Every structure is written in C-alpha cells, then in structure tokens.
Amino acid sequence: MKTYYWLSQLFLRLVLWALFGLKVKGRENIPHRGAVIIAANHISLADPPIIGAVCKREPYYWAKEELFRRKAFAALIRAYHAFPLKREGVSREAISWAIDLLRSGHALLLFPEGGRQRGGKLGLGRPGVGLIATRAGVPVIPALIQNSDHLRQALLRKRRLRISFGLPFRAEIGDYQVFAQQVMEKIGELRNSQQK
C-alpha cells in the first residue's frame, strides 16, 4: 500500500470514528491480496472515500465522468484510483479497465445500483457487476453502508455511521442480471442482520 494512501486512510478512519461513531463489521472478509469485487449500496457521494478508509486494500472504483472536469479534483480522485465512467449506455472502455484490473489482482469497488438511492431503499442491481465478476472469474464481497447520507445526524450521535462486509461468493449463474440481483439480496441480508 502506498504511504500517502495508508496515511490518509488512517486519518480518515480516525475522523470517521471520532466524529461520526463509525462502526465496521466483517472487515476480515476482505482478503489482503488477490482480485475481488466489493459491491456496496450507494446512498451518498461520501461512500467511496468512507469505504476506502476502512478497507485493508486500495480499492479502485468508477466515478462519474463529470467529476473529472476540474483538473485539481480529477488529479485527486485519480490518485485514489478513480476511473471516469460515462453514465449513459455501456462503457466498453470502463468494463475492459475493470476486468484488466481484476486480472492483475486488484480490488474493485462497485455500486451495482448504478447511482445513489434515496430514502435508504436498496435499488435494482445492474448486470455490469455480474458481467465483470463472471468474465474476470473473481469473488464478490457484498457491503452495506448505512447513514452516510445522514452525516450531520451521525455527528450529533442521533445516528451511527456503519459499514458491514459480507462473506465472498461467486457467480454460479450465467445470467448477469440474476447475479446482480443476488448481490443486492446479499446486501439486503446484511441490513436485515443489523436490525435484529
């Protein structure tokens, strides 16, 4: 892990713990090395750095193309492994980048819903996660992030920022859409386990 990444990861993790009551569960499910997809729900713009702060790895991820328009910000998020993604249609370049990245043994952070969901509901998974996992032949770790869309309330301790990682699993079905829904179901199971 690069020194600047490790230091910023540690700093952000301490800030999230001290100010927002960060609680992490299942971090041990993320392997220290080897290709893996971390598939998380998406409720806030803060999700990528928050999940990145608690991973034992340096995850790579897609970010919407519009975020790369300002040179300084583009340079910052590129330093933290963001790759521009066109929101309309299928980006063959982005999919090829993801598969090549995984075949090189890296960790990829994906948001299968394709965009942020409002109101805490889980959206439908898009088939891209199934396509990439199947073609790269890698396991998927479901991840649930809670209350990143309510950081002010977490700051006031009315809510708690939580991240849970499930057990890795592999695609056993050739239907990418069905697999995407399985991923979302696994994320839903993490949420249900929090409510017990």
N, C-alpha and C. Protein backbone atom coordinates (compact mmCIF):
# COMPACT_ATOMS: atom_id res chain seq x y z
N MET A 1 0.85 -1.18 0.00
CA MET A 1 0.00 0.00 0.00
C MET A 1 0.89 1.24 0.00
N LYS A 2 0.54 2.20 -0.86
CA LYS A 2 1.32 3.43 -0.94
C LYS A 2 1.23 4.20 0.38
N THR A 3 2.34 4.85 0.75
CA THR A 3 2.40 5.55 2.05
C THR A 3 1.33 6.62 2.15
N TYR A 4 1.16 7.45 1.11
CA TYR A 4 0.17 8.53 1.18
C TYR A 4 -1.24 7.96 1.33
N TYR A 5 -1.48 6.81 0.69
CA TYR A 5 -2.81 6.20 0.77
C TYR A 5 -3.04 5.67 2.19
N TRP A 6 -2.05 4.97 2.73
CA TRP A 6 -2.18 4.41 4.07
C TRP A 6 -2.40 5.51 5.11
N LEU A 7 -1.62 6.60 5.02
CA LEU A 7 -1.74 7.68 5.99
C LEU A 7 -3.09 8.38 5.90
N SER A 8 -3.54 8.66 4.68
CA SER A 8 -4.83 9.34 4.52
C SER A 8 -5.97 8.41 4.92
N GLN A 9 -5.82 7.12 4.67
CA GLN A 9 -6.81 6.12 5.06
C GLN A 9 -6.93 6.08 6.59
N LEU A 10 -5.78 6.06 7.26
CA LEU A 10 -5.76 6.05 8.72
C LEU A 10 -6.38 7.32 9.29
N PHE A 11 -6.00 8.47 8.74
CA PHE A 11 -6.53 9.75 9.21
C PHE A 11 -8.05 9.81 9.05
N LEU A 12 -8.53 9.43 7.87
CA LEU A 12 -9.98 9.49 7.63
C LEU A 12 -10.72 8.50 8.53
N ARG A 13 -10.15 7.33 8.74
CA ARG A 13 -10.80 6.35 9.61
C ARG A 13 -10.92 6.89 11.04
N LEU A 14 -9.88 7.55 11.53
CA LEU A 14 -9.92 8.14 12.87
C LEU A 14 -10.96 9.26 12.96
N VAL A 15 -11.04 10.08 11.91
CA VAL A 15 -12.03 11.15 11.88
C VAL A 15 -13.44 10.57 11.88
N LEU A 16 -13.67 9.57 11.05
CA LEU A 16 -14.99 8.94 10.97
C LEU A 16 -15.38 8.29 12.29
N TRP A 17 -14.42 7.68 12.97
CA TRP A 17 -14.70 7.04 14.25
C TRP A 17 -14.97 8.08 15.33
N ALA A 18 -14.12 9.12 15.40
CA ALA A 18 -14.24 10.11 16.46
C ALA A 18 -15.46 11.02 16.29
N LEU A 19 -15.74 11.42 15.06
CA LEU A 19 -16.81 12.40 14.83
C LEU A 19 -18.16 11.77 14.50
N PHE A 20 -18.15 10.65 13.80
CA PHE A 20 -19.41 10.09 13.30
C PHE A 20 -19.74 8.71 13.89
N GLY A 21 -18.96 8.27 14.87
CA GLY A 21 -19.24 6.99 15.53
C GLY A 21 -19.14 5.79 14.61
N LEU A 22 -18.20 5.83 13.67
CA LEU A 22 -18.06 4.75 12.70
C LEU A 22 -17.96 3.39 13.37
N LYS A 23 -18.75 2.45 12.87
CA LYS A 23 -18.68 1.06 13.33
C LYS A 23 -18.54 0.17 12.09
N VAL A 24 -17.56 -0.70 12.10
CA VAL A 24 -17.29 -1.57 10.95
C VAL A 24 -17.43 -3.02 11.38
N LYS A 25 -18.11 -3.80 10.56
CA LYS A 25 -18.31 -5.21 10.84
C LYS A 25 -17.92 -6.03 9.61
N GLY A 26 -17.24 -7.14 9.80
CA GLY A 26 -16.91 -8.05 8.71
C GLY A 26 -15.70 -7.65 7.89
N ARG A 27 -14.89 -6.73 8.39
CA ARG A 27 -13.71 -6.28 7.64
C ARG A 27 -12.77 -7.44 7.33
N GLU A 28 -12.77 -8.45 8.19
CA GLU A 28 -11.90 -9.61 7.99
C GLU A 28 -12.29 -10.42 6.75
N ASN A 29 -13.47 -10.16 6.18
CA ASN A 29 -13.90 -10.87 4.96
C ASN A 29 -13.20 -10.36 3.70
N ILE A 30 -12.52 -9.23 3.81
CA ILE A 30 -11.78 -8.69 2.67
C ILE A 30 -10.39 -9.32 2.66
N PRO A 31 -10.03 -10.05 1.61
CA PRO A 31 -8.69 -10.67 1.57
C PRO A 31 -7.59 -9.61 1.44
N HIS A 32 -6.44 -9.92 2.02
CA HIS A 32 -5.30 -8.98 1.97
C HIS A 32 -4.75 -8.84 0.55
N ARG A 33 -4.92 -9.87 -0.25
CA ARG A 33 -4.40 -9.81 -1.62
C ARG A 33 -5.30 -10.67 -2.52
N GLY A 34 -5.13 -10.48 -3.82
CA GLY A 34 -5.93 -11.23 -4.79
C GLY A 34 -7.13 -10.43 -5.26
N ALA A 35 -7.56 -10.73 -6.46
CA ALA A 35 -8.66 -9.99 -7.09
C ALA A 35 -9.97 -10.22 -6.37
N VAL A 36 -10.72 -9.15 -6.18
CA VAL A 36 -12.02 -9.23 -5.53
C VAL A 36 -12.84 -7.99 -5.90
N ILE A 37 -14.15 -8.19 -5.98
CA ILE A 37 -15.06 -7.06 -6.16
C ILE A 37 -15.76 -6.81 -4.83
N ILE A 38 -15.74 -5.56 -4.38
CA ILE A 38 -16.52 -5.14 -3.22
C ILE A 38 -17.74 -4.43 -3.79
N ALA A 39 -18.92 -5.00 -3.58
CA ALA A 39 -20.15 -4.46 -4.17
C ALA A 39 -21.01 -3.87 -3.05
N ALA A 40 -21.18 -2.55 -3.08
CA ALA A 40 -21.88 -1.86 -1.99
C ALA A 40 -23.11 -1.11 -2.49
N ASN A 41 -24.04 -0.91 -1.56
CA ASN A 41 -25.15 0.01 -1.85
C ASN A 41 -24.60 1.43 -1.92
N HIS A 42 -25.38 2.34 -2.49
CA HIS A 42 -24.87 3.70 -2.73
C HIS A 42 -25.92 4.72 -2.30
N ILE A 43 -25.60 5.49 -1.24
CA ILE A 43 -26.56 6.46 -0.73
C ILE A 43 -26.00 7.87 -0.61
N SER A 44 -24.69 8.03 -0.83
CA SER A 44 -24.07 9.34 -0.62
C SER A 44 -22.82 9.48 -1.48
N LEU A 45 -22.48 10.73 -1.82
CA LEU A 45 -21.23 10.99 -2.53
C LEU A 45 -20.02 10.61 -1.68
N ALA A 46 -20.23 10.53 -0.37
CA ALA A 46 -19.13 10.21 0.54
C ALA A 46 -18.82 8.71 0.58
N ASP A 47 -19.63 7.88 -0.06
CA ASP A 47 -19.45 6.43 0.05
C ASP A 47 -18.07 5.92 -0.39
N PRO A 48 -17.54 6.33 -1.55
CA PRO A 48 -16.23 5.78 -1.95
C PRO A 48 -15.11 6.06 -0.94
N PRO A 49 -14.94 7.33 -0.48
CA PRO A 49 -13.85 7.53 0.49
C PRO A 49 -14.10 6.85 1.84
N ILE A 50 -15.38 6.74 2.24
CA ILE A 50 -15.67 6.09 3.51
C ILE A 50 -15.33 4.60 3.43
N ILE A 51 -15.77 3.94 2.37
CA ILE A 51 -15.45 2.52 2.23
C ILE A 51 -13.94 2.33 2.04
N GLY A 52 -13.34 3.22 1.26
CA GLY A 52 -11.89 3.16 1.06
C GLY A 52 -11.11 3.29 2.36
N ALA A 53 -11.64 4.06 3.29
CA ALA A 53 -10.96 4.29 4.57
C ALA A 53 -10.93 3.04 5.44
N VAL A 54 -11.91 2.16 5.28
CA VAL A 54 -11.98 1.00 6.16
C VAL A 54 -11.49 -0.29 5.50
N CYS A 55 -11.22 -0.26 4.22
CA CYS A 55 -10.71 -1.45 3.53
C CYS A 55 -9.25 -1.71 3.92
N LYS A 56 -8.86 -2.98 3.86
CA LYS A 56 -7.47 -3.34 4.09
C LYS A 56 -6.66 -3.22 2.80
N ARG A 57 -7.32 -2.77 1.76
CA ARG A 57 -6.74 -2.69 0.41
C ARG A 57 -6.85 -1.27 -0.11
N GLU A 58 -6.33 -1.05 -1.29
CA GLU A 58 -6.55 0.20 -2.02
C GLU A 58 -7.55 -0.11 -3.13
N PRO A 59 -8.83 0.07 -2.89
CA PRO A 59 -9.81 -0.28 -3.93
C PRO A 59 -9.82 0.72 -5.07
N TYR A 60 -10.01 0.21 -6.26
CA TYR A 60 -10.20 1.03 -7.45
C TYR A 60 -11.71 1.16 -7.67
N TYR A 61 -12.14 2.23 -8.30
CA TYR A 61 -13.57 2.40 -8.49
C TYR A 61 -13.86 3.32 -9.67
N TRP A 62 -15.09 3.26 -10.15
CA TRP A 62 -15.56 4.18 -11.17
C TRP A 62 -16.12 5.43 -10.51
N ALA A 63 -15.95 6.55 -11.18
CA ALA A 63 -16.59 7.80 -10.74
C ALA A 63 -17.20 8.45 -11.98
N LYS A 64 -18.32 9.11 -11.80
CA LYS A 64 -18.99 9.68 -12.97
C LYS A 64 -18.08 10.70 -13.66
N GLU A 65 -18.16 10.69 -14.97
CA GLU A 65 -17.27 11.48 -15.82
C GLU A 65 -17.25 12.96 -15.46
N GLU A 66 -18.39 13.48 -14.99
CA GLU A 66 -18.49 14.90 -14.67
C GLU A 66 -17.52 15.33 -13.56
N LEU A 67 -17.15 14.40 -12.70
CA LEU A 67 -16.24 14.72 -11.59
C LEU A 67 -14.82 14.98 -12.06
N PHE A 68 -14.52 14.65 -13.31
CA PHE A 68 -13.16 14.81 -13.83
C PHE A 68 -12.99 16.13 -14.60
N ARG A 69 -14.01 16.97 -14.59
CA ARG A 69 -13.93 18.22 -15.36
C ARG A 69 -12.98 19.24 -14.76
N ARG A 70 -12.88 19.26 -13.44
CA ARG A 70 -11.96 20.19 -12.78
C ARG A 70 -10.63 19.47 -12.58
N LYS A 71 -9.58 20.06 -13.11
CA LYS A 71 -8.28 19.38 -13.14
C LYS A 71 -7.76 19.00 -11.76
N ALA A 72 -7.89 19.90 -10.79
CA ALA A 72 -7.35 19.62 -9.46
C ALA A 72 -8.09 18.46 -8.81
N PHE A 73 -9.42 18.47 -8.91
CA PHE A 73 -10.20 17.40 -8.29
C PHE A 73 -10.00 16.09 -9.04
N ALA A 74 -9.89 16.19 -10.36
CA ALA A 74 -9.63 14.99 -11.17
C ALA A 74 -8.31 14.35 -10.77
N ALA A 75 -7.29 15.17 -10.56
CA ALA A 75 -5.98 14.64 -10.15
C ALA A 75 -6.07 13.97 -8.78
N LEU A 76 -6.86 14.55 -7.88
CA LEU A 76 -7.03 13.98 -6.54
C LEU A 76 -7.70 12.61 -6.59
N ILE A 77 -8.83 12.52 -7.29
CA ILE A 77 -9.54 11.24 -7.29
C ILE A 77 -8.82 10.18 -8.13
N ARG A 78 -8.06 10.62 -9.13
CA ARG A 78 -7.23 9.65 -9.86
C ARG A 78 -6.15 9.06 -8.95
N ALA A 79 -5.61 9.90 -8.06
CA ALA A 79 -4.59 9.43 -7.12
C ALA A 79 -5.16 8.37 -6.18
N TYR A 80 -6.48 8.41 -5.99
CA TYR A 80 -7.15 7.42 -5.15
C TYR A 80 -7.90 6.39 -6.00
N HIS A 81 -7.42 6.21 -7.24
CA HIS A 81 -7.81 5.10 -8.12
C HIS A 81 -9.19 5.20 -8.76
N ALA A 82 -9.67 6.41 -9.01
CA ALA A 82 -10.95 6.56 -9.71
C ALA A 82 -10.72 6.51 -11.22
N PHE A 83 -11.70 5.94 -11.92
CA PHE A 83 -11.67 5.86 -13.38
C PHE A 83 -12.97 6.46 -13.90
N PRO A 84 -12.90 7.37 -14.90
CA PRO A 84 -14.13 8.02 -15.37
C PRO A 84 -15.10 7.08 -16.05
N LEU A 85 -16.38 7.25 -15.72
CA LEU A 85 -17.44 6.41 -16.27
C LEU A 85 -18.53 7.28 -16.88
N LYS A 86 -18.85 6.99 -18.14
CA LYS A 86 -19.99 7.65 -18.78
C LYS A 86 -21.26 7.03 -18.24
N ARG A 87 -22.21 7.87 -17.85
CA ARG A 87 -23.41 7.37 -17.18
C ARG A 87 -24.42 6.79 -18.16
N GLU A 88 -24.41 7.25 -19.41
CA GLU A 88 -25.38 6.74 -20.39
C GLU A 88 -24.76 5.61 -21.19
N GLY A 89 -25.54 4.56 -21.39
CA GLY A 89 -25.09 3.46 -22.23
C GLY A 89 -24.05 2.59 -21.54
N VAL A 90 -23.48 1.68 -22.31
CA VAL A 90 -22.47 0.76 -21.79
C VAL A 90 -21.10 1.28 -22.18
N SER A 91 -20.23 1.46 -21.22
CA SER A 91 -18.88 1.92 -21.48
C SER A 91 -17.95 0.72 -21.60
N ARG A 92 -17.67 0.32 -22.84
CA ARG A 92 -16.79 -0.83 -23.05
C ARG A 92 -15.40 -0.57 -22.47
N GLU A 93 -14.96 0.69 -22.56
CA GLU A 93 -13.65 1.04 -22.03
C GLU A 93 -13.60 0.83 -20.52
N ALA A 94 -14.66 1.26 -19.81
CA ALA A 94 -14.70 1.12 -18.36
C ALA A 94 -14.78 -0.35 -17.96
N ILE A 95 -15.55 -1.15 -18.68
CA ILE A 95 -15.67 -2.57 -18.37
C ILE A 95 -14.34 -3.28 -18.62
N SER A 96 -13.68 -2.96 -19.73
CA SER A 96 -12.38 -3.56 -20.03
C SER A 96 -11.36 -3.19 -18.96
N TRP A 97 -11.39 -1.91 -18.53
CA TRP A 97 -10.49 -1.45 -17.46
C TRP A 97 -10.72 -2.27 -16.20
N ALA A 98 -11.98 -2.47 -15.83
CA ALA A 98 -12.32 -3.21 -14.61
C ALA A 98 -11.84 -4.66 -14.68
N ILE A 99 -12.09 -5.31 -15.81
CA ILE A 99 -11.69 -6.72 -15.96
C ILE A 99 -10.17 -6.85 -15.94
N ASP A 100 -9.47 -5.97 -16.66
CA ASP A 100 -8.00 -5.99 -16.67
C ASP A 100 -7.44 -5.76 -15.27
N LEU A 101 -8.06 -4.84 -14.56
CA LEU A 101 -7.64 -4.51 -13.20
C LEU A 101 -7.75 -5.74 -12.29
N LEU A 102 -8.88 -6.42 -12.39
CA LEU A 102 -9.09 -7.61 -11.57
C LEU A 102 -8.14 -8.74 -11.97
N ARG A 103 -7.91 -8.88 -13.24
CA ARG A 103 -6.99 -9.93 -13.70
C ARG A 103 -5.56 -9.66 -13.24
N SER A 104 -5.30 -8.41 -12.85
CA SER A 104 -3.98 -8.05 -12.30
C SER A 104 -3.93 -8.22 -10.79
N GLY A 105 -5.05 -8.68 -10.20
CA GLY A 105 -5.05 -8.99 -8.77
C GLY A 105 -5.50 -7.88 -7.84
N HIS A 106 -6.14 -6.83 -8.38
CA HIS A 106 -6.55 -5.70 -7.54
C HIS A 106 -7.97 -5.88 -6.99
N ALA A 107 -8.34 -4.96 -6.10
CA ALA A 107 -9.70 -4.91 -5.55
C ALA A 107 -10.47 -3.81 -6.27
N LEU A 108 -11.71 -4.11 -6.64
CA LEU A 108 -12.56 -3.15 -7.35
C LEU A 108 -13.80 -2.89 -6.52
N LEU A 109 -14.09 -1.62 -6.27
CA LEU A 109 -15.29 -1.21 -5.56
C LEU A 109 -16.35 -0.84 -6.58
N LEU A 110 -17.50 -1.52 -6.54
CA LEU A 110 -18.60 -1.23 -7.46
C LEU A 110 -19.87 -0.91 -6.67
N PHE A 111 -20.70 -0.07 -7.26
CA PHE A 111 -22.02 0.21 -6.72
C PHE A 111 -23.03 -0.34 -7.72
N PRO A 112 -23.52 -1.57 -7.51
CA PRO A 112 -24.34 -2.27 -8.51
C PRO A 112 -25.63 -1.55 -8.89
N GLU A 113 -26.12 -0.66 -8.02
CA GLU A 113 -27.36 0.06 -8.34
C GLU A 113 -27.14 1.10 -9.44
N GLY A 114 -25.89 1.46 -9.69
CA GLY A 114 -25.58 2.39 -10.77
C GLY A 114 -25.65 3.85 -10.38
N GLY A 115 -26.28 4.17 -9.28
CA GLY A 115 -26.39 5.56 -8.83
C GLY A 115 -26.89 5.58 -7.40
N ARG A 116 -26.90 6.76 -6.82
CA ARG A 116 -27.34 6.88 -5.42
C ARG A 116 -28.84 6.63 -5.29
N GLN A 117 -29.20 5.98 -4.21
CA GLN A 117 -30.60 5.70 -3.90
C GLN A 117 -31.04 6.56 -2.73
N ARG A 118 -32.24 7.10 -2.83
CA ARG A 118 -32.76 7.97 -1.77
C ARG A 118 -33.59 7.17 -0.77
N GLY A 119 -33.65 7.66 0.44
CA GLY A 119 -34.55 7.09 1.43
C GLY A 119 -34.12 5.76 2.03
N GLY A 120 -32.88 5.38 1.82
CA GLY A 120 -32.38 4.16 2.43
C GLY A 120 -32.82 2.87 1.78
N LYS A 121 -33.57 2.95 0.68
CA LYS A 121 -34.01 1.74 -0.01
C LYS A 121 -32.90 1.20 -0.89
N LEU A 122 -32.91 -0.11 -1.07
CA LEU A 122 -31.97 -0.73 -2.00
C LEU A 122 -32.59 -0.75 -3.38
N GLY A 123 -31.83 -0.33 -4.38
CA GLY A 123 -32.32 -0.32 -5.75
C GLY A 123 -32.06 -1.65 -6.44
N LEU A 124 -32.42 -1.70 -7.70
CA LEU A 124 -32.16 -2.89 -8.51
C LEU A 124 -30.69 -2.93 -8.91
N GLY A 125 -30.11 -4.12 -8.88
CA GLY A 125 -28.75 -4.27 -9.35
C GLY A 125 -28.70 -4.23 -10.86
N ARG A 126 -27.66 -3.65 -11.40
CA ARG A 126 -27.47 -3.64 -12.85
C ARG A 126 -26.54 -4.79 -13.25
N PRO A 127 -26.68 -5.28 -14.46
CA PRO A 127 -25.96 -6.50 -14.85
C PRO A 127 -24.44 -6.36 -14.93
N GLY A 128 -23.91 -5.14 -14.90
CA GLY A 128 -22.46 -4.94 -15.03
C GLY A 128 -21.66 -5.71 -14.00
N VAL A 129 -22.14 -5.75 -12.76
CA VAL A 129 -21.39 -6.47 -11.71
C VAL A 129 -21.31 -7.95 -12.03
N GLY A 130 -22.38 -8.52 -12.59
CA GLY A 130 -22.37 -9.92 -12.97
C GLY A 130 -21.44 -10.19 -14.14
N LEU A 131 -21.49 -9.30 -15.12
CA LEU A 131 -20.63 -9.44 -16.30
C LEU A 131 -19.16 -9.41 -15.90
N ILE A 132 -18.79 -8.42 -15.08
CA ILE A 132 -17.39 -8.25 -14.69
C ILE A 132 -16.92 -9.41 -13.81
N ALA A 133 -17.74 -9.79 -12.82
CA ALA A 133 -17.36 -10.89 -11.93
C ALA A 133 -17.19 -12.19 -12.69
N THR A 134 -18.08 -12.45 -13.64
CA THR A 134 -18.03 -13.69 -14.41
C THR A 134 -16.83 -13.72 -15.34
N ARG A 135 -16.64 -12.63 -16.09
CA ARG A 135 -15.53 -12.61 -17.06
C ARG A 135 -14.17 -12.60 -16.38
N ALA A 136 -14.06 -11.94 -15.23
CA ALA A 136 -12.78 -11.90 -14.52
C ALA A 136 -12.61 -13.12 -13.63
N GLY A 137 -13.71 -13.85 -13.36
CA GLY A 137 -13.64 -15.04 -12.52
C GLY A 137 -13.25 -14.75 -11.08
N VAL A 138 -13.85 -13.70 -10.49
CA VAL A 138 -13.46 -13.29 -9.14
C VAL A 138 -14.65 -13.33 -8.19
N PRO A 139 -14.38 -13.45 -6.88
CA PRO A 139 -15.47 -13.40 -5.90
C PRO A 139 -15.96 -11.98 -5.67
N VAL A 140 -17.19 -11.90 -5.16
CA VAL A 140 -17.81 -10.62 -4.83
C VAL A 140 -18.07 -10.58 -3.33
N ILE A 141 -17.69 -9.48 -2.70
CA ILE A 141 -17.99 -9.27 -1.29
C ILE A 141 -19.09 -8.23 -1.19
N PRO A 142 -20.28 -8.60 -0.71
CA PRO A 142 -21.34 -7.60 -0.54
C PRO A 142 -20.99 -6.67 0.61
N ALA A 143 -21.34 -5.40 0.47
CA ALA A 143 -21.06 -4.41 1.52
C ALA A 143 -22.27 -3.51 1.71
N LEU A 144 -22.55 -3.20 2.94
CA LEU A 144 -23.67 -2.33 3.29
C LEU A 144 -23.13 -1.10 4.00
N ILE A 145 -23.47 0.06 3.48
CA ILE A 145 -23.12 1.30 4.17
C ILE A 145 -24.41 1.95 4.63
N GLN A 146 -24.42 2.39 5.89
CA GLN A 146 -25.61 2.99 6.48
C GLN A 146 -25.28 4.36 7.06
N ASN A 147 -26.18 5.30 6.79
CA ASN A 147 -26.17 6.65 7.37
C ASN A 147 -25.08 7.58 6.83
N SER A 148 -24.44 7.21 5.72
CA SER A 148 -23.51 8.16 5.09
C SER A 148 -24.28 9.32 4.47
N ASP A 149 -25.59 9.14 4.29
CA ASP A 149 -26.44 10.22 3.79
C ASP A 149 -27.03 11.05 4.93
N HIS A 150 -26.62 10.75 6.16
CA HIS A 150 -27.09 11.49 7.34
C HIS A 150 -25.90 11.81 8.24
N LEU A 151 -24.83 12.34 7.66
CA LEU A 151 -23.62 12.60 8.43
C LEU A 151 -23.84 13.64 9.52
N ARG A 152 -24.70 14.61 9.27
CA ARG A 152 -24.97 15.62 10.30
C ARG A 152 -25.60 14.97 11.53
N GLN A 153 -26.55 14.06 11.31
CA GLN A 153 -27.18 13.37 12.44
C GLN A 153 -26.19 12.42 13.12
N ALA A 154 -25.29 11.83 12.33
CA ALA A 154 -24.26 10.97 12.92
C ALA A 154 -23.31 11.81 13.78
N LEU A 155 -23.01 13.02 13.32
CA LEU A 155 -22.15 13.93 14.08
C LEU A 155 -22.78 14.27 15.43
N LEU A 156 -24.10 14.39 15.44
CA LEU A 156 -24.82 14.70 16.67
C LEU A 156 -25.17 13.44 17.46
N ARG A 157 -24.69 12.27 16.98
CA ARG A 157 -24.91 10.98 17.60
C ARG A 157 -26.39 10.56 17.62
N LYS A 158 -27.17 11.11 16.70
CA LYS A 158 -28.56 10.66 16.55
C LYS A 158 -28.63 9.41 15.68
N ARG A 159 -27.60 9.21 14.88
CA ARG A 159 -27.44 8.01 14.08
C ARG A 159 -25.98 7.61 14.16
N ARG A 160 -25.69 6.42 13.67
CA ARG A 160 -24.31 5.95 13.68
C ARG A 160 -23.91 5.52 12.28
N LEU A 161 -22.75 5.94 11.84
CA LEU A 161 -22.22 5.53 10.55
C LEU A 161 -21.75 4.09 10.66
N ARG A 162 -22.30 3.21 9.79
CA ARG A 162 -21.99 1.79 9.86
C ARG A 162 -21.61 1.25 8.48
N ILE A 163 -20.65 0.33 8.48
CA ILE A 163 -20.30 -0.40 7.27
C ILE A 163 -20.16 -1.87 7.63
N SER A 164 -20.81 -2.72 6.85
CA SER A 164 -20.74 -4.17 7.07
C SER A 164 -20.31 -4.84 5.78
N PHE A 165 -19.40 -5.80 5.91
CA PHE A 165 -18.93 -6.59 4.77
C PHE A 165 -19.38 -8.04 4.96
N GLY A 166 -19.97 -8.61 3.92
CA GLY A 166 -20.41 -10.00 3.99
C GLY A 166 -19.34 -10.95 3.52
N LEU A 167 -19.69 -12.22 3.49
CA LEU A 167 -18.76 -13.25 3.02
C LEU A 167 -18.66 -13.22 1.50
N PRO A 168 -17.49 -13.48 0.95
CA PRO A 168 -17.36 -13.50 -0.51
C PRO A 168 -18.13 -14.67 -1.12
N PHE A 169 -18.66 -14.43 -2.32
CA PHE A 169 -19.33 -15.50 -3.06
C PHE A 169 -19.07 -15.30 -4.54
N ARG A 170 -19.31 -16.35 -5.32
CA ARG A 170 -19.02 -16.30 -6.76
C ARG A 170 -20.29 -16.48 -7.58
N ALA A 171 -20.22 -16.00 -8.81
CA ALA A 171 -21.35 -16.17 -9.73
C ALA A 171 -21.44 -17.63 -10.13
N GLU A 172 -22.61 -18.21 -9.94
CA GLU A 172 -22.84 -19.59 -10.34
C GLU A 172 -23.83 -19.66 -11.50
N ILE A 173 -24.33 -18.48 -11.90
CA ILE A 173 -25.35 -18.40 -12.95
C ILE A 173 -24.81 -17.54 -14.08
N GLY A 174 -25.06 -17.96 -15.31
CA GLY A 174 -24.59 -17.19 -16.46
C GLY A 174 -25.38 -15.92 -16.74
N ASP A 175 -26.54 -15.76 -16.09
CA ASP A 175 -27.39 -14.59 -16.31
C ASP A 175 -26.88 -13.45 -15.43
N TYR A 176 -26.32 -12.43 -16.07
CA TYR A 176 -25.71 -11.33 -15.34
C TYR A 176 -26.73 -10.56 -14.49
N GLN A 177 -27.92 -10.38 -15.00
CA GLN A 177 -28.95 -9.64 -14.25
C GLN A 177 -29.38 -10.41 -13.00
N VAL A 178 -29.53 -11.72 -13.14
CA VAL A 178 -29.90 -12.55 -11.98
C VAL A 178 -28.81 -12.47 -10.92
N PHE A 179 -27.57 -12.52 -11.36
CA PHE A 179 -26.46 -12.44 -10.39
C PHE A 179 -26.45 -11.07 -9.71
N ALA A 180 -26.71 -10.01 -10.47
CA ALA A 180 -26.76 -8.66 -9.89
C ALA A 180 -27.82 -8.59 -8.79
N GLN A 181 -28.94 -9.24 -9.02
CA GLN A 181 -29.99 -9.26 -8.00
C GLN A 181 -29.58 -10.08 -6.79
N GLN A 182 -28.81 -11.14 -7.01
CA GLN A 182 -28.29 -11.91 -5.89
C GLN A 182 -27.37 -11.05 -5.02
N VAL A 183 -26.56 -10.24 -5.68
CA VAL A 183 -25.68 -9.33 -4.95
C VAL A 183 -26.50 -8.39 -4.08
N MET A 184 -27.56 -7.80 -4.67
CA MET A 184 -28.40 -6.88 -3.90
C MET A 184 -29.11 -7.61 -2.75
N GLU A 185 -29.48 -8.86 -2.97
CA GLU A 185 -30.10 -9.64 -1.89
C GLU A 185 -29.11 -9.88 -0.75
N LYS A 186 -27.85 -10.13 -1.08
CA LYS A 186 -26.82 -10.31 -0.05
C LYS A 186 -26.63 -9.02 0.74
N ILE A 187 -26.67 -7.88 0.05
CA ILE A 187 -26.57 -6.59 0.75
C ILE A 187 -27.79 -6.40 1.65
N GLY A 188 -28.96 -6.79 1.16
CA GLY A 188 -30.17 -6.72 1.96
C GLY A 188 -30.09 -7.59 3.20
N GLU A 189 -29.47 -8.76 3.08
CA GLU A 189 -29.30 -9.65 4.24
C GLU A 189 -28.42 -9.00 5.30
N LEU A 190 -27.41 -8.26 4.87
CA LEU A 190 -26.57 -7.53 5.83
C LEU A 190 -27.39 -6.50 6.59
N ARG A 191 -28.27 -5.82 5.87
CA ARG A 191 -29.13 -4.82 6.53
C ARG A 191 -30.08 -5.48 7.50
N ASN A 192 -30.66 -6.60 7.10
CA ASN A 192 -31.59 -7.31 7.97
C ASN A 192 -30.91 -7.80 9.25
N SER A 193 -29.65 -8.22 9.11
CA SER A 193 -28.92 -8.71 10.29
C SER A 193 -28.63 -7.58 11.27
N GLN A 194 -28.54 -6.33 10.76
CA GLN A 194 -28.30 -5.17 11.63
C GLN A 194 -29.55 -4.86 12.46
N GLN A 195 -30.71 -5.20 11.92
CA GLN A 195 -31.96 -4.84 12.58
C GLN A 195 -32.37 -5.84 13.65
N LYS A 196 -31.67 -6.97 13.72
CA LYS A 196 -32.03 -8.00 14.72
C LYS A 196 -31.43 -7.66 16.08
